[in-house]
Amino acid sequence: MERPLIVGLGEILWDMFPTGPRFGGAPANFACAVSRQLGSAAHVEMVSAVGPDRLGTQALDELRNRGVGIQNVHVGKLPTGQVLVDLDAQGQATYRFAEQQAWDEIGWNTALDRLAQKCAVVCFGTLAQRRPGSRATIEKFVATAQQAYRLFDINIRQPHFSSDVALTGLRLANVVKLNEDELPIVGGLIGVSGDWQEVARNVRRQFDLQYLAVTRGADGAFLLSPDQENFAAAPVVDAVSTVGAGDAYAAALVAGMLEGKSVPEINQRAVALAAKVCSG
């Protein structure tokens, strides 16, 4: 049986913590997490761009060492992405993104067309779509991947958020992951407010999603499909940092979908994995 092809599509960057740089970017974190989850049972590829610099070389090494293919990561002229990260006392992160980064210029080519037609899962977000060139490539890739699970992990990062990008992504996706802060924003885009679970149900119905996940940090997560829903409480942990928790949840979500697990099984495993990441 052929291994499923899973693609992370979007930014590669380095999170610049006070203690030093950490490899990141939501799609790249997702790719690494799903490679770790599924191992040799899946083929994981990254589609992005890095710069001709030390951080770019290190980023490619990080992906390769974590079992993620890099043949569709372009080495361009702009610098490899960086973001300054500040953590509050609860481990919640805030981000300041540099301008004119390599992932702002992800270009289309025939290899990406073939990759999109073959993939079983593609995960994409909004941040890498802040510039027209990368946005066009991401939208074309997702539109081409009609046989795939198209996971839109929205990852709203101000001031790099566009309602138009978000709504287009929601229409292209068949699986969506939102956190508790992003859900009311998406609800507002479609004119829905009120009880958060009802907002989630309305979002799932309006965009005819196969799955909608709403992560709520220490309060767990809510996962919906057309015929099932489940709320899973998060295990109590001493949170060191929330960075990467959402990507771990997304990876476990994908693993469960590919394995044909039920909504409660998927959600409970994904919440447990996200909590483990928070605990360091």
Protein backbone atom coordinates (compact mmCIF):
# COMPACT_ATOMS: atom_id res chain seq x y z
CA MET A 1 0.00 0.00 0.00
CA GLU A 2 1.37 3.40 -1.00
CA ARG A 3 2.18 5.74 1.84
CA PRO A 4 -0.02 8.86 2.06
CA LEU A 5 1.68 12.08 0.98
CA ILE A 6 1.26 14.91 3.50
CA VAL A 7 2.28 18.48 2.68
CA GLY A 8 3.01 21.47 4.91
CA LEU A 9 2.44 24.58 2.77
CA GLY A 10 3.60 28.02 3.89
CA GLU A 11 6.13 29.77 6.08
CA ILE A 12 9.43 28.47 7.40
CA LEU A 13 10.92 30.75 10.04
CA TRP A 14 12.88 30.94 13.24
CA ASP A 15 11.15 31.97 16.46
CA MET A 16 13.65 34.27 18.17
CA PHE A 17 13.12 33.68 21.90
CA PRO A 18 15.09 35.54 24.58
CA THR A 19 16.88 32.22 25.18
CA GLY A 20 17.77 31.77 21.50
CA PRO A 21 16.25 30.76 18.14
CA ARG A 22 13.80 27.90 17.74
CA PHE A 23 12.80 26.41 14.40
CA GLY A 24 9.20 27.23 13.54
CA GLY A 25 6.48 28.39 11.25
CA ALA A 26 3.09 26.72 11.70
CA PRO A 27 3.14 24.64 8.47
CA ALA A 28 6.74 23.58 9.14
CA ASN A 29 5.91 22.66 12.74
CA PHE A 30 2.92 20.72 11.45
CA ALA A 31 5.07 18.84 8.93
CA CYS A 32 7.60 17.91 11.61
CA ALA A 33 4.88 16.90 14.07
CA VAL A 34 3.01 14.71 11.60
CA SER A 35 6.28 13.09 10.50
CA ARG A 36 6.98 12.27 14.15
CA GLN A 37 3.41 10.96 14.61
CA LEU A 38 3.28 8.73 11.54
CA GLY A 39 6.96 7.94 10.91
CA SER A 40 7.53 5.62 7.98
CA ALA A 41 3.77 5.17 7.50
CA ALA A 42 3.63 8.53 5.65
CA HIS A 43 5.67 10.62 3.24
CA VAL A 44 5.84 14.23 4.45
CA GLU A 45 6.96 17.15 2.29
CA MET A 46 7.38 20.88 2.94
CA VAL A 47 6.56 23.54 0.34
CA SER A 48 8.14 26.88 1.22
CA ALA A 49 11.20 29.08 0.71
CA VAL A 50 14.31 29.99 2.71
CA GLY A 51 17.12 32.46 2.17
CA PRO A 52 20.74 31.95 1.08
CA ASP A 53 21.94 32.34 4.66
CA ARG A 54 22.95 30.37 7.74
CA LEU A 55 19.38 30.22 9.09
CA GLY A 56 18.19 28.87 5.75
CA THR A 57 20.77 26.08 5.79
CA GLN A 58 19.88 25.27 9.39
CA ALA A 59 16.16 25.22 8.53
CA LEU A 60 16.73 22.70 5.73
CA ASP A 61 18.80 20.58 8.11
CA GLU A 62 16.04 20.72 10.73
CA LEU A 63 13.42 19.51 8.25
CA ARG A 64 15.65 16.77 6.87
CA ASN A 65 16.58 15.55 10.34
CA ARG A 66 12.91 15.37 11.29
CA GLY A 67 11.96 13.24 8.31
CA VAL A 68 10.44 16.00 6.16
CA GLY A 69 11.24 16.23 2.45
CA ILE A 70 12.80 19.50 1.27
CA GLN A 71 12.94 19.17 -2.51
CA ASN A 72 10.09 21.70 -2.80
CA VAL A 73 11.70 24.26 -0.48
CA HIS A 74 13.13 26.98 -2.71
CA VAL A 75 16.33 28.82 -1.78
CA GLY A 76 15.64 32.40 -2.84
CA LYS A 77 17.26 35.82 -2.44
CA LEU A 78 15.32 37.17 0.54
CA PRO A 79 16.44 36.32 4.10
CA THR A 80 15.10 33.29 5.94
CA GLY A 81 12.08 34.19 8.05
CA GLN A 82 12.44 35.41 11.61
CA VAL A 83 9.90 36.37 14.27
CA LEU A 84 10.48 37.87 17.70
CA VAL A 85 8.58 35.92 20.37
CA ASP A 86 7.59 37.21 23.80
CA LEU A 87 6.09 34.90 26.44
CA ASP A 88 3.88 36.07 29.30
CA ALA A 89 3.72 34.50 32.76
CA GLN A 90 1.25 31.86 31.53
CA GLY A 91 3.46 30.85 28.61
CA GLN A 92 1.22 32.57 26.01
CA ALA A 93 3.18 33.86 23.05
CA THR A 94 3.01 37.15 21.14
CA TYR A 95 4.78 37.55 17.80
CA ARG A 96 6.47 40.36 15.83
CA PHE A 97 7.17 39.39 12.23
CA ALA A 98 9.96 40.77 10.08
CA GLU A 99 9.09 42.10 6.61
CA GLN A 100 10.33 40.85 3.22
CA GLN A 101 11.13 37.28 4.19
CA ALA A 102 11.90 34.30 1.95
CA TRP A 103 8.47 32.72 2.53
CA ASP A 104 6.87 35.85 1.03
CA GLU A 105 8.05 34.57 -2.37
CA ILE A 106 6.84 30.97 -2.70
CA GLY A 107 6.57 30.50 -6.45
CA TRP A 108 4.49 28.08 -8.51
CA ASN A 109 6.01 25.42 -10.77
CA THR A 110 5.05 22.16 -12.45
CA ALA A 111 6.53 20.09 -9.61
CA LEU A 112 4.02 21.68 -7.22
CA ASP A 113 1.20 20.88 -9.62
CA ARG A 114 2.17 17.18 -9.52
CA LEU A 115 2.62 17.25 -5.75
CA ALA A 116 -0.81 18.81 -5.20
CA GLN A 117 -2.51 16.19 -7.34
CA LYS A 118 -0.83 13.34 -5.41
CA CYS A 119 -1.13 14.54 -1.81
CA ALA A 120 -3.52 13.02 0.71
CA VAL A 121 -3.33 15.99 3.09
CA VAL A 122 -2.22 19.60 2.74
CA CYS A 123 -2.03 21.98 5.70
CA PHE A 124 -2.00 25.75 5.09
CA GLY A 125 -2.73 28.98 6.97
CA THR A 126 -3.04 32.74 6.49
CA LEU A 127 0.35 34.18 7.46
CA ALA A 128 2.25 32.98 4.39
CA GLN A 129 -0.46 34.60 2.25
CA ARG A 130 0.35 38.17 3.36
CA ARG A 131 2.01 38.85 -0.03
CA PRO A 132 0.30 38.30 -3.43
CA GLY A 133 2.92 35.92 -4.86
CA SER A 134 2.83 33.37 -2.07
CA ARG A 135 -0.93 33.75 -1.74
CA ALA A 136 -1.46 32.86 -5.39
CA THR A 137 0.76 29.79 -5.07
CA ILE A 138 -0.95 28.56 -1.90
CA GLU A 139 -4.45 29.05 -3.29
CA LYS A 140 -3.54 27.28 -6.54
CA PHE A 141 -1.95 24.36 -4.69
CA VAL A 142 -4.96 23.87 -2.41
CA ALA A 143 -7.43 24.23 -5.29
CA THR A 144 -5.49 21.58 -7.23
CA ALA A 145 -5.48 19.14 -4.28
CA GLN A 146 -9.11 18.17 -4.77
CA GLN A 147 -8.69 14.56 -3.59
CA ALA A 148 -6.94 15.59 -0.36
CA TYR A 149 -7.87 16.58 3.14
CA ARG A 150 -7.32 20.35 2.85
CA LEU A 151 -6.59 21.50 6.40
CA PHE A 152 -6.86 25.24 6.98
CA ASP A 153 -5.08 26.01 10.25
CA ILE A 154 -5.97 29.69 10.15
CA ASN A 155 -3.32 30.99 12.61
CA ILE A 156 -4.37 34.64 12.72
CA ARG A 157 -1.28 36.78 13.18
CA GLN A 158 -1.94 40.51 13.34
CA PRO A 159 -1.34 42.78 11.54
CA HIS A 160 -0.94 40.20 8.76
CA PHE A 161 -4.58 39.12 8.60
CA SER A 162 -7.00 39.59 5.73
CA SER A 163 -10.71 38.75 5.83
CA ASP A 164 -10.58 37.98 2.11
CA VAL A 165 -7.70 35.51 2.59
CA ALA A 166 -9.54 33.87 5.48
CA LEU A 167 -12.83 33.47 3.62
CA THR A 168 -11.09 32.12 0.52
CA GLY A 169 -9.21 29.62 2.68
CA LEU A 170 -12.43 28.51 4.37
CA ARG A 171 -14.04 27.91 0.98
CA LEU A 172 -11.04 25.94 -0.30
CA ALA A 173 -10.71 23.81 2.84
CA ASN A 174 -12.62 20.73 3.92
CA VAL A 175 -10.99 20.58 7.38
CA VAL A 176 -10.48 23.66 9.59
CA LYS A 177 -8.74 24.22 12.92
CA LEU A 178 -9.43 27.37 14.96
CA ASN A 179 -8.50 28.39 18.47
CA GLU A 180 -10.90 30.01 20.93
CA ASP A 181 -9.83 33.53 19.90
CA GLU A 182 -10.10 32.84 16.18
CA LEU A 183 -13.58 31.27 16.30
CA PRO A 184 -15.51 34.52 17.04
CA ILE A 185 -13.48 36.33 14.36
CA VAL A 186 -14.51 33.71 11.78
CA GLY A 187 -18.06 33.83 13.13
CA GLY A 188 -18.06 37.59 12.56
CA LEU A 189 -16.99 37.08 8.94
CA ILE A 190 -20.16 35.07 8.30
CA GLY A 191 -22.45 37.08 10.59
CA VAL A 192 -22.73 34.52 13.40
CA SER A 193 -22.27 35.22 17.12
CA GLY A 194 -23.40 33.94 20.51
CA ASP A 195 -22.67 30.60 22.20
CA TRP A 196 -19.26 29.42 20.97
CA GLN A 197 -20.38 25.85 20.31
CA GLU A 198 -23.27 27.09 18.17
CA VAL A 199 -20.89 29.39 16.30
CA ALA A 200 -18.67 26.37 15.62
CA ARG A 201 -21.62 24.34 14.35
CA ASN A 202 -22.64 27.20 12.05
CA VAL A 203 -19.10 27.53 10.64
CA ARG A 204 -18.91 23.80 9.97
CA ARG A 205 -22.29 23.79 8.20
CA GLN A 206 -21.75 26.96 6.17
CA PHE A 207 -18.48 25.71 4.66
CA ASP A 208 -19.59 22.05 4.48
CA LEU A 209 -16.51 20.91 6.40
CA GLN A 210 -15.65 17.28 6.99
CA TYR A 211 -14.07 18.28 10.31
CA LEU A 212 -13.92 21.47 12.36
CA ALA A 213 -11.68 21.63 15.42
CA VAL A 214 -11.84 24.41 18.02
CA THR A 215 -8.92 24.32 20.43
CA ARG A 216 -9.39 26.04 23.80
CA GLY A 217 -6.00 25.82 25.47
CA ALA A 218 -6.19 24.49 29.01
CA ASP A 219 -9.93 23.92 28.53
CA GLY A 220 -9.45 21.23 25.88
CA ALA A 221 -10.90 21.07 22.36
CA PHE A 222 -14.15 20.63 20.46
CA LEU A 223 -14.16 18.51 17.28
CA LEU A 224 -17.11 18.30 14.90
CA SER A 225 -17.94 16.28 11.79
CA PRO A 226 -21.26 16.16 9.91
CA ASP A 227 -22.53 13.36 12.17
CA GLN A 228 -20.41 13.49 15.35
CA GLU A 229 -19.06 15.98 17.86
CA ASN A 230 -16.86 15.63 20.90
CA PHE A 231 -15.50 17.88 23.63
CA ALA A 232 -12.28 16.61 25.22
CA ALA A 233 -10.96 18.15 28.44
CA ALA A 234 -7.24 18.83 28.55
CA PRO A 235 -5.11 16.95 31.09
CA VAL A 236 -3.68 19.16 33.81
CA VAL A 237 -0.02 19.99 33.10
CA ASP A 238 2.51 22.60 34.15
CA ALA A 239 2.64 24.67 30.97
CA VAL A 240 6.10 25.85 29.99
CA SER A 241 5.05 27.27 26.60
CA THR A 242 2.07 26.98 24.29
CA VAL A 243 4.27 27.33 21.17
CA GLY A 244 3.74 24.29 18.92
CA ALA A 245 0.72 22.93 20.81
CA GLY A 246 -1.72 23.80 18.04
CA ASP A 247 0.55 22.21 15.44
CA ALA A 248 0.76 19.04 17.55
CA TYR A 249 -3.04 18.96 17.73
CA ALA A 250 -3.27 19.38 13.95
CA ALA A 251 -0.79 16.53 13.39
CA ALA A 252 -2.76 14.19 15.64
CA LEU A 253 -5.98 15.27 13.89
CA VAL A 254 -4.50 14.32 10.52
CA ALA A 255 -3.18 11.00 11.82
CA GLY A 256 -6.60 10.14 13.19
CA MET A 257 -8.40 11.10 9.98
CA LEU A 258 -6.08 8.97 7.86
CA GLU A 259 -6.47 6.05 10.26
CA GLY A 260 -10.27 6.31 10.09
CA LYS A 261 -10.67 6.91 13.83
CA SER A 262 -13.89 8.22 15.34
CA VAL A 263 -14.29 11.89 16.28
CA PRO A 264 -13.93 11.17 20.06
CA GLU A 265 -10.82 9.04 19.49
CA ILE A 266 -9.19 11.68 17.29
CA ASN A 267 -9.99 14.57 19.60
CA GLN A 268 -8.91 12.92 22.84
CA ARG A 269 -5.58 11.81 21.39
CA ALA A 270 -4.96 15.23 19.85
CA VAL A 271 -5.69 17.06 23.11
CA ALA A 272 -3.34 14.76 25.01
CA LEU A 273 -0.52 15.36 22.52
CA ALA A 274 -1.01 19.15 22.61
CA ALA A 275 -0.87 19.12 26.42
CA LYS A 276 2.35 17.13 26.31
CA VAL A 277 3.92 19.77 24.06
CA CYS A 278 2.86 22.55 26.47
CA SER A 279 4.58 20.78 29.36
CA GLY A 280 7.89 20.82 27.51
